[in-house]
Amino acid sequence: MAAIKFPEIPKIGTTLLCDGQRYKLVSVQPHSRRDGSRTVLLNWRTRCAECGKPIVVTSPVNAKGLSRRCEAHRRPGKAVTAAGRKRQSRHPARRKP
């Protein structure tokens, strides 16, 4: 999944399309980091790529990617799309059995 980077905080209702999955920004919440600095977290509404259940995922303004599955179907390291599986196969030593 491509990284997301916003030059400023996006407006509520902003829609993203990442690897064919649609995300809609539903809220922005203030957040305090461990070091005490202030930031915001973005809450995105989407559907689980496995079962289609509506879910909300949270991300910072700049993120490496967004979660694509609900808690019941979460599989870290397992790609959702065929393109993702091809990207994974380049680094077999990093995969867990």
PDB file of N, CA and C in Angstrom:
ATOM      1  N   MET A   1       0.844  -1.169   0.000  1.00  0.00           N
ATOM      2  CA  MET A   1       0.000   0.000   0.000  1.00  0.00           C
ATOM      3  C   MET A   1       0.892   1.235   0.000  1.00  0.00           C
ATOM      4  N   ALA A   2       0.505   2.208  -0.751  1.00  0.00           N
ATOM      5  CA  ALA A   2       1.254   3.457  -0.837  1.00  0.00           C
ATOM      6  C   ALA A   2       1.088   4.272   0.440  1.00  0.00           C
ATOM      7  N   ALA A   3       2.129   5.002   0.785  1.00  0.00           N
ATOM      8  CA  ALA A   3       2.071   5.874   1.953  1.00  0.00           C
ATOM      9  C   ALA A   3       1.107   7.031   1.681  1.00  0.00           C
ATOM     10  N   ILE A   4       0.483   7.526   2.740  1.00  0.00           N
ATOM     11  CA  ILE A   4      -0.382   8.689   2.598  1.00  0.00           C
ATOM     12  C   ILE A   4       0.269   9.861   3.318  1.00  0.00           C
ATOM     13  N   LYS A   5       0.316  10.985   2.653  1.00  0.00           N
ATOM     14  CA  LYS A   5       0.914  12.190   3.224  1.00  0.00           C
ATOM     15  C   LYS A   5       0.047  13.375   2.837  1.00  0.00           C
ATOM     16  N   PHE A   6      -0.434  14.073   3.833  1.00  0.00           N
ATOM     17  CA  PHE A   6      -1.236  15.267   3.607  1.00  0.00           C
ATOM     18  C   PHE A   6      -0.421  16.486   4.012  1.00  0.00           C
ATOM     19  N   PRO A   7      -0.416  17.536   3.198  1.00  0.00           N
ATOM     20  CA  PRO A   7       0.310  18.750   3.575  1.00  0.00           C
ATOM     21  C   PRO A   7      -0.353  19.467   4.753  1.00  0.00           C
ATOM     22  N   GLU A   8      -1.649  19.225   4.945  1.00  0.00           N
ATOM     23  CA  GLU A   8      -2.394  19.787   6.067  1.00  0.00           C
ATOM     24  C   GLU A   8      -3.485  18.802   6.436  1.00  0.00           C
ATOM     25  N   ILE A   9      -4.152  19.050   7.544  1.00  0.00           N
ATOM     26  CA  ILE A   9      -5.209  18.141   7.998  1.00  0.00           C
ATOM     27  C   ILE A   9      -6.355  18.159   6.990  1.00  0.00           C
ATOM     28  N   PRO A  10      -6.742  16.988   6.453  1.00  0.00           N
ATOM     29  CA  PRO A  10      -7.832  16.946   5.471  1.00  0.00           C
ATOM     30  C   PRO A  10      -9.187  17.228   6.116  1.00  0.00           C
ATOM     31  N   LYS A  11     -10.137  17.634   5.284  1.00  0.00           N
ATOM     32  CA  LYS A  11     -11.490  17.942   5.757  1.00  0.00           C
ATOM     33  C   LYS A  11     -12.278  16.657   5.975  1.00  0.00           C
ATOM     34  N   ILE A  12     -13.202  16.697   6.928  1.00  0.00           N
ATOM     35  CA  ILE A  12     -14.116  15.585   7.163  1.00  0.00           C
ATOM     36  C   ILE A  12     -14.857  15.321   5.850  1.00  0.00           C
ATOM     37  N   GLY A  13     -14.980  14.057   5.484  1.00  0.00           N
ATOM     38  CA  GLY A  13     -15.638  13.693   4.239  1.00  0.00           C
ATOM     39  C   GLY A  13     -14.655  13.402   3.108  1.00  0.00           C
ATOM     40  N   THR A  14     -13.372  13.707   3.317  1.00  0.00           N
ATOM     41  CA  THR A  14     -12.355  13.404   2.311  1.00  0.00           C
ATOM     42  C   THR A  14     -12.356  11.903   2.048  1.00  0.00           C
ATOM     43  N   THR A  15     -12.253  11.515   0.788  1.00  0.00           N
ATOM     44  CA  THR A  15     -12.257  10.107   0.412  1.00  0.00           C
ATOM     45  C   THR A  15     -10.923   9.735  -0.214  1.00  0.00           C
ATOM     46  N   LEU A  16     -10.380   8.588   0.204  1.00  0.00           N
ATOM     47  CA  LEU A  16      -9.150   8.042  -0.367  1.00  0.00           C
ATOM     48  C   LEU A  16      -9.471   6.727  -1.055  1.00  0.00           C
ATOM     49  N   LEU A  17      -8.731   6.408  -2.083  1.00  0.00           N
ATOM     50  CA  LEU A  17      -8.823   5.118  -2.730  1.00  0.00           C
ATOM     51  C   LEU A  17      -7.422   4.532  -2.716  1.00  0.00           C
ATOM     52  N   CYS A  18      -7.186   3.546  -1.853  1.00  0.00           N
ATOM     53  CA  CYS A  18      -5.870   2.916  -1.716  1.00  0.00           C
ATOM     54  C   CYS A  18      -5.976   1.451  -2.086  1.00  0.00           C
ATOM     55  N   ASP A  19      -5.256   1.041  -3.111  1.00  0.00           N
ATOM     56  CA  ASP A  19      -5.273  -0.342  -3.587  1.00  0.00           C
ATOM     57  C   ASP A  19      -6.694  -0.858  -3.800  1.00  0.00           C
ATOM     58  N   GLY A  20      -7.558  -0.009  -4.346  1.00  0.00           N
ATOM     59  CA  GLY A  20      -8.916  -0.412  -4.668  1.00  0.00           C
ATOM     60  C   GLY A  20      -9.888  -0.380  -3.498  1.00  0.00           C
ATOM     61  N   GLN A  21      -9.432   0.014  -2.311  1.00  0.00           N
ATOM     62  CA  GLN A  21     -10.316   0.086  -1.148  1.00  0.00           C
ATOM     63  C   GLN A  21     -10.575   1.550  -0.820  1.00  0.00           C
ATOM     64  N   ARG A  22     -11.853   1.889  -0.628  1.00  0.00           N
ATOM     65  CA  ARG A  22     -12.255   3.271  -0.374  1.00  0.00           C
ATOM     66  C   ARG A  22     -12.304   3.552   1.127  1.00  0.00           C
ATOM     67  N   TYR A  23     -11.735   4.694   1.516  1.00  0.00           N
ATOM     68  CA  TYR A  23     -11.719   5.164   2.895  1.00  0.00           C
ATOM     69  C   TYR A  23     -12.319   6.558   2.929  1.00  0.00           C
ATOM     70  N   LYS A  24     -13.216   6.803   3.894  1.00  0.00           N
ATOM     71  CA  LYS A  24     -13.827   8.122   4.042  1.00  0.00           C
ATOM     72  C   LYS A  24     -13.491   8.661   5.428  1.00  0.00           C
ATOM     73  N   LEU A  25     -12.957   9.883   5.482  1.00  0.00           N
ATOM     74  CA  LEU A  25     -12.589  10.503   6.749  1.00  0.00           C
ATOM     75  C   LEU A  25     -13.859  10.889   7.501  1.00  0.00           C
ATOM     76  N   VAL A  26     -14.020  10.343   8.719  1.00  0.00           N
ATOM     77  CA  VAL A  26     -15.226  10.600   9.498  1.00  0.00           C
ATOM     78  C   VAL A  26     -14.984  11.490  10.713  1.00  0.00           C
ATOM     79  N   SER A  27     -13.737  11.535  11.213  1.00  0.00           N
ATOM     80  CA  SER A  27     -13.444  12.430  12.336  1.00  0.00           C
ATOM     81  C   SER A  27     -11.940  12.658  12.476  1.00  0.00           C
ATOM     82  N   VAL A  28     -11.626  13.755  13.149  1.00  0.00           N
ATOM     83  CA  VAL A  28     -10.245  14.120  13.464  1.00  0.00           C
ATOM     84  C   VAL A  28     -10.206  14.355  14.967  1.00  0.00           C
ATOM     85  N   GLN A  29      -9.282  13.691  15.650  1.00  0.00           N
ATOM     86  CA  GLN A  29      -9.228  13.840  17.101  1.00  0.00           C
ATOM     87  C   GLN A  29      -7.833  14.265  17.552  1.00  0.00           C
ATOM     88  N   PRO A  30      -7.761  15.147  18.544  1.00  0.00           N
ATOM     89  CA  PRO A  30      -6.457  15.551  19.077  1.00  0.00           C
ATOM     90  C   PRO A  30      -5.810  14.375  19.806  1.00  0.00           C
ATOM     91  N   HIS A  31      -4.478  14.353  19.808  1.00  0.00           N
ATOM     92  CA  HIS A  31      -3.750  13.253  20.431  1.00  0.00           C
ATOM     93  C   HIS A  31      -2.451  13.772  21.028  1.00  0.00           C
ATOM     94  N   SER A  32      -2.068  13.237  22.193  1.00  0.00           N
ATOM     95  CA  SER A  32      -0.787  13.569  22.823  1.00  0.00           C
ATOM     96  C   SER A  32       0.159  12.389  22.655  1.00  0.00           C
ATOM     97  N   ARG A  33       1.324  12.641  22.096  1.00  0.00           N
ATOM     98  CA  ARG A  33       2.327  11.589  21.931  1.00  0.00           C
ATOM     99  C   ARG A  33       2.998  11.307  23.269  1.00  0.00           C
ATOM    100  N   ARG A  34       3.760  10.230  23.324  1.00  0.00           N
ATOM    101  CA  ARG A  34       4.465   9.867  24.552  1.00  0.00           C
ATOM    102  C   ARG A  34       5.407  10.968  25.023  1.00  0.00           C
ATOM    103  N   ASP A  35       6.009  11.681  24.057  1.00  0.00           N
ATOM    104  CA  ASP A  35       6.950  12.745  24.427  1.00  0.00           C
ATOM    105  C   ASP A  35       6.237  14.044  24.831  1.00  0.00           C
ATOM    106  N   GLY A  36       4.895  14.028  24.803  1.00  0.00           N
ATOM    107  CA  GLY A  36       4.118  15.189  25.221  1.00  0.00           C
ATOM    108  C   GLY A  36       3.724  16.124  24.089  1.00  0.00           C
ATOM    109  N   SER A  37       4.271  15.917  22.896  1.00  0.00           N
ATOM    110  CA  SER A  37       3.907  16.793  21.777  1.00  0.00           C
ATOM    111  C   SER A  37       2.483  16.488  21.314  1.00  0.00           C
ATOM    112  N   ARG A  38       1.829  17.486  20.766  1.00  0.00           N
ATOM    113  CA  ARG A  38       0.437  17.369  20.328  1.00  0.00           C
ATOM    114  C   ARG A  38       0.376  17.072  18.836  1.00  0.00           C
ATOM    115  N   THR A  39      -0.586  16.269  18.443  1.00  0.00           N
ATOM    116  CA  THR A  39      -0.836  15.946  17.040  1.00  0.00           C
ATOM    117  C   THR A  39      -2.316  15.627  16.889  1.00  0.00           C
ATOM    118  N   VAL A  40      -2.711  15.149  15.723  1.00  0.00           N
ATOM    119  CA  VAL A  40      -4.092  14.708  15.513  1.00  0.00           C
ATOM    120  C   VAL A  40      -4.088  13.314  14.904  1.00  0.00           C
ATOM    121  N   LEU A  41      -5.150  12.578  15.151  1.00  0.00           N
ATOM    122  CA  LEU A  41      -5.352  11.273  14.534  1.00  0.00           C
ATOM    123  C   LEU A  41      -6.584  11.353  13.645  1.00  0.00           C
ATOM    124  N   LEU A  42      -6.513  10.676  12.511  1.00  0.00           N
ATOM    125  CA  LEU A  42      -7.603  10.662  11.537  1.00  0.00           C
ATOM    126  C   LEU A  42      -8.347   9.338  11.639  1.00  0.00           C
ATOM    127  N   ASN A  43      -9.665   9.377  11.694  1.00  0.00           N
ATOM    128  CA  ASN A  43     -10.492   8.166  11.743  1.00  0.00           C
ATOM    129  C   ASN A  43     -11.180   7.991  10.397  1.00  0.00           C
ATOM    130  N   TRP A  44     -10.913   6.856   9.755  1.00  0.00           N
ATOM    131  CA  TRP A  44     -11.417   6.555   8.415  1.00  0.00           C
ATOM    132  C   TRP A  44     -12.431   5.426   8.487  1.00  0.00           C
ATOM    133  N   ARG A  45     -13.540   5.550   7.756  1.00  0.00           N
ATOM    134  CA  ARG A  45     -14.533   4.490   7.658  1.00  0.00           C
ATOM    135  C   ARG A  45     -14.298   3.740   6.338  1.00  0.00           C
ATOM    136  N   THR A  46     -14.302   2.422   6.436  1.00  0.00           N
ATOM    137  CA  THR A  46     -14.150   1.565   5.258  1.00  0.00           C
ATOM    138  C   THR A  46     -14.855   0.251   5.547  1.00  0.00           C
ATOM    139  N   ARG A  47     -14.661  -0.727   4.699  1.00  0.00           N
ATOM    140  CA  ARG A  47     -15.225  -2.066   4.906  1.00  0.00           C
ATOM    141  C   ARG A  47     -14.089  -3.074   4.919  1.00  0.00           C
ATOM    142  N   CYS A  48     -14.227  -4.111   5.738  1.00  0.00           N
ATOM    143  CA  CYS A  48     -13.225  -5.169   5.817  1.00  0.00           C
ATOM    144  C   CYS A  48     -13.066  -5.818   4.442  1.00  0.00           C
ATOM    145  N   ALA A  49     -11.829  -6.013   4.025  1.00  0.00           N
ATOM    146  CA  ALA A  49     -11.558  -6.613   2.720  1.00  0.00           C
ATOM    147  C   ALA A  49     -11.950  -8.085   2.667  1.00  0.00           C
ATOM    148  N   GLU A  50     -12.102  -8.728   3.822  1.00  0.00           N
ATOM    149  CA  GLU A  50     -12.489 -10.145   3.866  1.00  0.00           C
ATOM    150  C   GLU A  50     -14.000 -10.339   3.902  1.00  0.00           C
ATOM    151  N   CYS A  51     -14.655  -9.682   4.891  1.00  0.00           N
ATOM    152  CA  CYS A  51     -16.080  -9.953   5.126  1.00  0.00           C
ATOM    153  C   CYS A  51     -17.006  -8.804   4.742  1.00  0.00           C
ATOM    154  N   GLY A  52     -16.462  -7.621   4.489  1.00  0.00           N
ATOM    155  CA  GLY A  52     -17.285  -6.484   4.104  1.00  0.00           C
ATOM    156  C   GLY A  52     -17.909  -5.730   5.268  1.00  0.00           C
ATOM    157  N   LYS A  53     -17.598  -6.141   6.500  1.00  0.00           N
ATOM    158  CA  LYS A  53     -18.141  -5.470   7.691  1.00  0.00           C
ATOM    159  C   LYS A  53     -17.602  -4.038   7.757  1.00  0.00           C
ATOM    160  N   PRO A  54     -18.464  -3.043   8.070  1.00  0.00           N
ATOM    161  CA  PRO A  54     -17.976  -1.667   8.218  1.00  0.00           C
ATOM    162  C   PRO A  54     -17.011  -1.561   9.399  1.00  0.00           C
ATOM    163  N   ILE A  55     -15.887  -0.891   9.199  1.00  0.00           N
ATOM    164  CA  ILE A  55     -14.907  -0.694  10.266  1.00  0.00           C
ATOM    165  C   ILE A  55     -14.402   0.745  10.232  1.00  0.00           C
ATOM    166  N   VAL A  56     -13.811   1.172  11.335  1.00  0.00           N
ATOM    167  CA  VAL A  56     -13.157   2.478  11.409  1.00  0.00           C
ATOM    168  C   VAL A  56     -11.695   2.217  11.747  1.00  0.00           C
ATOM    169  N   VAL A  57     -10.791   2.777  10.944  1.00  0.00           N
ATOM    170  CA  VAL A  57      -9.360   2.650  11.187  1.00  0.00           C
ATOM    171  C   VAL A  57      -8.794   4.029  11.502  1.00  0.00           C
ATOM    172  N   THR A  58      -7.764   4.052  12.326  1.00  0.00           N
ATOM    173  CA  THR A  58      -7.152   5.304  12.763  1.00  0.00           C
ATOM    174  C   THR A  58      -5.753   5.417  12.187  1.00  0.00           C
ATOM    175  N   SER A  59      -5.378   6.640  11.789  1.00  0.00           N
ATOM    176  CA  SER A  59      -4.035   6.870  11.261  1.00  0.00           C
ATOM    177  C   SER A  59      -3.573   8.268  11.632  1.00  0.00           C
ATOM    178  N   PRO A  60      -2.254   8.486  11.614  1.00  0.00           N
ATOM    179  CA  PRO A  60      -1.758   9.851  11.735  1.00  0.00           C
ATOM    180  C   PRO A  60      -1.943  10.566  10.391  1.00  0.00           C
ATOM    181  N   VAL A  61      -1.590  11.831  10.319  1.00  0.00           N
ATOM    182  CA  VAL A  61      -1.728  12.589   9.076  1.00  0.00           C
ATOM    183  C   VAL A  61      -0.826  12.004   7.994  1.00  0.00           C
ATOM    184  N   ASN A  62       0.368  11.564   8.369  1.00  0.00           N
ATOM    185  CA  ASN A  62       1.278  10.891   7.437  1.00  0.00           C
ATOM    186  C   ASN A  62       1.440   9.457   7.916  1.00  0.00           C
ATOM    187  N   ALA A  63       1.074   8.493   7.079  1.00  0.00           N
ATOM    188  CA  ALA A  63       1.116   7.095   7.485  1.00  0.00           C
ATOM    189  C   ALA A  63       1.683   6.227   6.370  1.00  0.00           C
ATOM    190  N   LYS A  64       2.227   5.073   6.755  1.00  0.00           N
ATOM    191  CA  LYS A  64       2.747   4.119   5.773  1.00  0.00           C
ATOM    192  C   LYS A  64       1.621   3.403   5.052  1.00  0.00           C
ATOM    193  N   GLY A  65       0.472   3.308   5.668  1.00  0.00           N
ATOM    194  CA  GLY A  65      -0.667   2.639   5.064  1.00  0.00           C
ATOM    195  C   GLY A  65      -1.813   2.553   6.047  1.00  0.00           C
ATOM    196  N   LEU A  66      -2.937   2.029   5.595  1.00  0.00           N
ATOM    197  CA  LEU A  66      -4.126   1.897   6.431  1.00  0.00           C
ATOM    198  C   LEU A  66      -4.508   0.427   6.537  1.00  0.00           C
ATOM    199  N   SER A  67      -5.071   0.056   7.670  1.00  0.00           N
ATOM    200  CA  SER A  67      -5.531  -1.304   7.873  1.00  0.00           C
ATOM    201  C   SER A  67      -6.673  -1.601   6.906  1.00  0.00           C
ATOM    202  N   ARG A  68      -6.737  -2.826   6.418  1.00  0.00           N
ATOM    203  CA  ARG A  68      -7.762  -3.190   5.444  1.00  0.00           C
ATOM    204  C   ARG A  68      -8.754  -4.215   5.964  1.00  0.00           C
ATOM    205  N   ARG A  69      -8.512  -4.751   7.165  1.00  0.00           N
ATOM    206  CA  ARG A  69      -9.371  -5.807   7.690  1.00  0.00           C
ATOM    207  C   ARG A  69      -9.867  -5.486   9.099  1.00  0.00           C
ATOM    208  N   CYS A  70     -10.986  -6.116   9.476  1.00  0.00           N
ATOM    209  CA  CYS A  70     -11.522  -5.990  10.832  1.00  0.00           C
ATOM    210  C   CYS A  70     -10.667  -6.831  11.783  1.00  0.00           C
ATOM    211  N   GLU A  71     -10.914  -6.697  13.080  1.00  0.00           N
ATOM    212  CA  GLU A  71     -10.134  -7.444  14.079  1.00  0.00           C
ATOM    213  C   GLU A  71     -10.254  -8.956  13.877  1.00  0.00           C
ATOM    214  N   ALA A  72     -11.433  -9.425  13.498  1.00  0.00           N
ATOM    215  CA  ALA A  72     -11.635 -10.865  13.323  1.00  0.00           C
ATOM    216  C   ALA A  72     -10.826 -11.431  12.155  1.00  0.00           C
ATOM    217  N   HIS A  73     -10.513 -10.619  11.160  1.00  0.00           N
ATOM    218  CA  HIS A  73      -9.801 -11.097   9.970  1.00  0.00           C
ATOM    219  C   HIS A  73      -8.392 -10.540   9.837  1.00  0.00           C
ATOM    220  N   ARG A  74      -7.918  -9.849  10.840  1.00  0.00           N
ATOM    221  CA  ARG A  74      -6.582  -9.260  10.780  1.00  0.00           C
ATOM    222  C   ARG A  74      -5.535 -10.359  10.635  1.00  0.00           C
ATOM    223  N   ARG A  75      -4.681 -10.205   9.633  1.00  0.00           N
ATOM    224  CA  ARG A  75      -3.593 -11.150   9.403  1.00  0.00           C
ATOM    225  C   ARG A  75      -2.339 -10.360   9.051  1.00  0.00           C
ATOM    226  N   PRO A  76      -1.571  -9.931  10.029  1.00  0.00           N
ATOM    227  CA  PRO A  76      -0.372  -9.155   9.729  1.00  0.00           C
ATOM    228  C   PRO A  76       0.557  -9.900   8.768  1.00  0.00           C
ATOM    229  N   GLY A  77       1.026  -9.193   7.759  1.00  0.00           N
ATOM    230  CA  GLY A  77       1.952  -9.782   6.797  1.00  0.00           C
ATOM    231  C   GLY A  77       1.288 -10.488   5.639  1.00  0.00           C
ATOM    232  N   LYS A  78      -0.005 -10.759   5.706  1.00  0.00           N
ATOM    233  CA  LYS A  78      -0.700 -11.433   4.610  1.00  0.00           C
ATOM    234  C   LYS A  78      -1.379 -10.381   3.754  1.00  0.00           C
ATOM    235  N   ALA A  79      -1.055 -10.377   2.467  1.00  0.00           N
ATOM    236  CA  ALA A  79      -1.594  -9.385   1.549  1.00  0.00           C
ATOM    237  C   ALA A  79      -3.054  -9.672   1.209  1.00  0.00           C
ATOM    238  N   VAL A  80      -3.788  -8.621   0.908  1.00  0.00           N
ATOM    239  CA  VAL A  80      -5.189  -8.749   0.505  1.00  0.00           C
ATOM    240  C   VAL A  80      -5.281  -8.983  -0.994  1.00  0.00           C
ATOM    241  N   THR A  81      -4.459  -8.308  -1.781  1.00  0.00           N
ATOM    242  CA  THR A  81      -4.542  -8.381  -3.235  1.00  0.00           C
ATOM    243  C   THR A  81      -3.417  -9.231  -3.822  1.00  0.00           C
ATOM    244  N   ALA A  82      -3.601  -9.650  -5.050  1.00  0.00           N
ATOM    245  CA  ALA A  82      -2.561 -10.407  -5.747  1.00  0.00           C
ATOM    246  C   ALA A  82      -1.302  -9.563  -5.901  1.00  0.00           C
ATOM    247  N   ALA A  83      -1.462  -8.272  -6.157  1.00  0.00           N
ATOM    248  CA  ALA A  83      -0.305  -7.382  -6.279  1.00  0.00           C
ATOM    249  C   ALA A  83       0.468  -7.338  -4.973  1.00  0.00           C
ATOM    250  N   GLY A  84      -0.230  -7.329  -3.866  1.00  0.00           N
ATOM    251  CA  GLY A  84       0.425  -7.329  -2.564  1.00  0.00           C
ATOM    252  C   GLY A  84       1.177  -8.625  -2.316  1.00  0.00           C
ATOM    253  N   ARG A  85       0.595  -9.748  -2.741  1.00  0.00           N
ATOM    254  CA  ARG A  85       1.272 -11.029  -2.574  1.00  0.00           C
ATOM    255  C   ARG A  85       2.565 -11.054  -3.379  1.00  0.00           C
ATOM    256  N   LYS A  86       2.571 -10.441  -4.564  1.00  0.00           N
ATOM    257  CA  LYS A  86       3.793 -10.384  -5.365  1.00  0.00           C
ATOM    258  C   LYS A  86       4.858  -9.551  -4.665  1.00  0.00           C
ATOM    259  N   ARG A  87       4.448  -8.434  -4.053  1.00  0.00           N
ATOM    260  CA  ARG A  87       5.404  -7.609  -3.316  1.00  0.00           C
ATOM    261  C   ARG A  87       6.002  -8.392  -2.157  1.00  0.00           C
ATOM    262  N   GLN A  88       5.183  -9.178  -1.465  1.00  0.00           N
ATOM    263  CA  GLN A  88       5.658  -9.950  -0.325  1.00  0.00           C
ATOM    264  C   GLN A  88       6.660 -11.006  -0.736  1.00  0.00           C
ATOM    265  N   SER A  89       6.437 -11.671  -1.848  1.00  0.00           N
ATOM    266  CA  SER A  89       7.274 -12.796  -2.230  1.00  0.00           C
ATOM    267  C   SER A  89       8.719 -12.395  -2.505  1.00  0.00           C
ATOM    268  N   ARG A  90       8.979 -11.107  -2.702  1.00  0.00           N
ATOM    269  CA  ARG A  90      10.355 -10.663  -2.914  1.00  0.00           C
ATOM    270  C   ARG A  90      11.191 -10.764  -1.656  1.00  0.00           C
ATOM    271  N   HIS A  91      10.541 -10.849  -0.497  1.00  0.00           N
ATOM    272  CA  HIS A  91      11.250 -10.866   0.782  1.00  0.00           C
ATOM    273  C   HIS A  91      10.783 -12.047   1.637  1.00  0.00           C
ATOM    274  N   PRO A  92      11.003 -13.283   1.176  1.00  0.00           N
ATOM    275  CA  PRO A  92      10.468 -14.434   1.920  1.00  0.00           C
ATOM    276  C   PRO A  92      11.053 -14.579   3.314  1.00  0.00           C
ATOM    277  N   ALA A  93      12.250 -14.084   3.564  1.00  0.00           N
ATOM    278  CA  ALA A  93      12.855 -14.223   4.886  1.00  0.00           C
ATOM    279  C   ALA A  93      12.128 -13.388   5.931  1.00  0.00           C
ATOM    280  N   ARG A  94      11.420 -12.368   5.523  1.00  0.00           N
ATOM    281  CA  ARG A  94      10.702 -11.495   6.453  1.00  0.00           C
ATOM    282  C   ARG A  94       9.350 -12.047   6.865  1.00  0.00           C
ATOM    283  N   ARG A  95       8.825 -12.989   6.112  1.00  0.00           N
ATOM    284  CA  ARG A  95       7.510 -13.531   6.417  1.00  0.00           C
ATOM    285  C   ARG A  95       7.583 -14.489   7.589  1.00  0.00           C
ATOM    286  N   LYS A  96       6.508 -14.516   8.375  1.00  0.00           N
ATOM    287  CA  LYS A  96       6.404 -15.474   9.478  1.00  0.00           C
ATOM    288  C   LYS A  96       5.669 -16.707   8.976  1.00  0.00           C
ATOM    289  N   PRO A  97       6.024 -17.889   9.473  1.00  0.00           N
ATOM    290  CA  PRO A  97       5.363 -19.127   9.019  1.00  0.00           C
ATOM    291  C   PRO A  97       3.916 -19.201   9.405  1.00  0.00           C
TER     292      PRO A  97
END
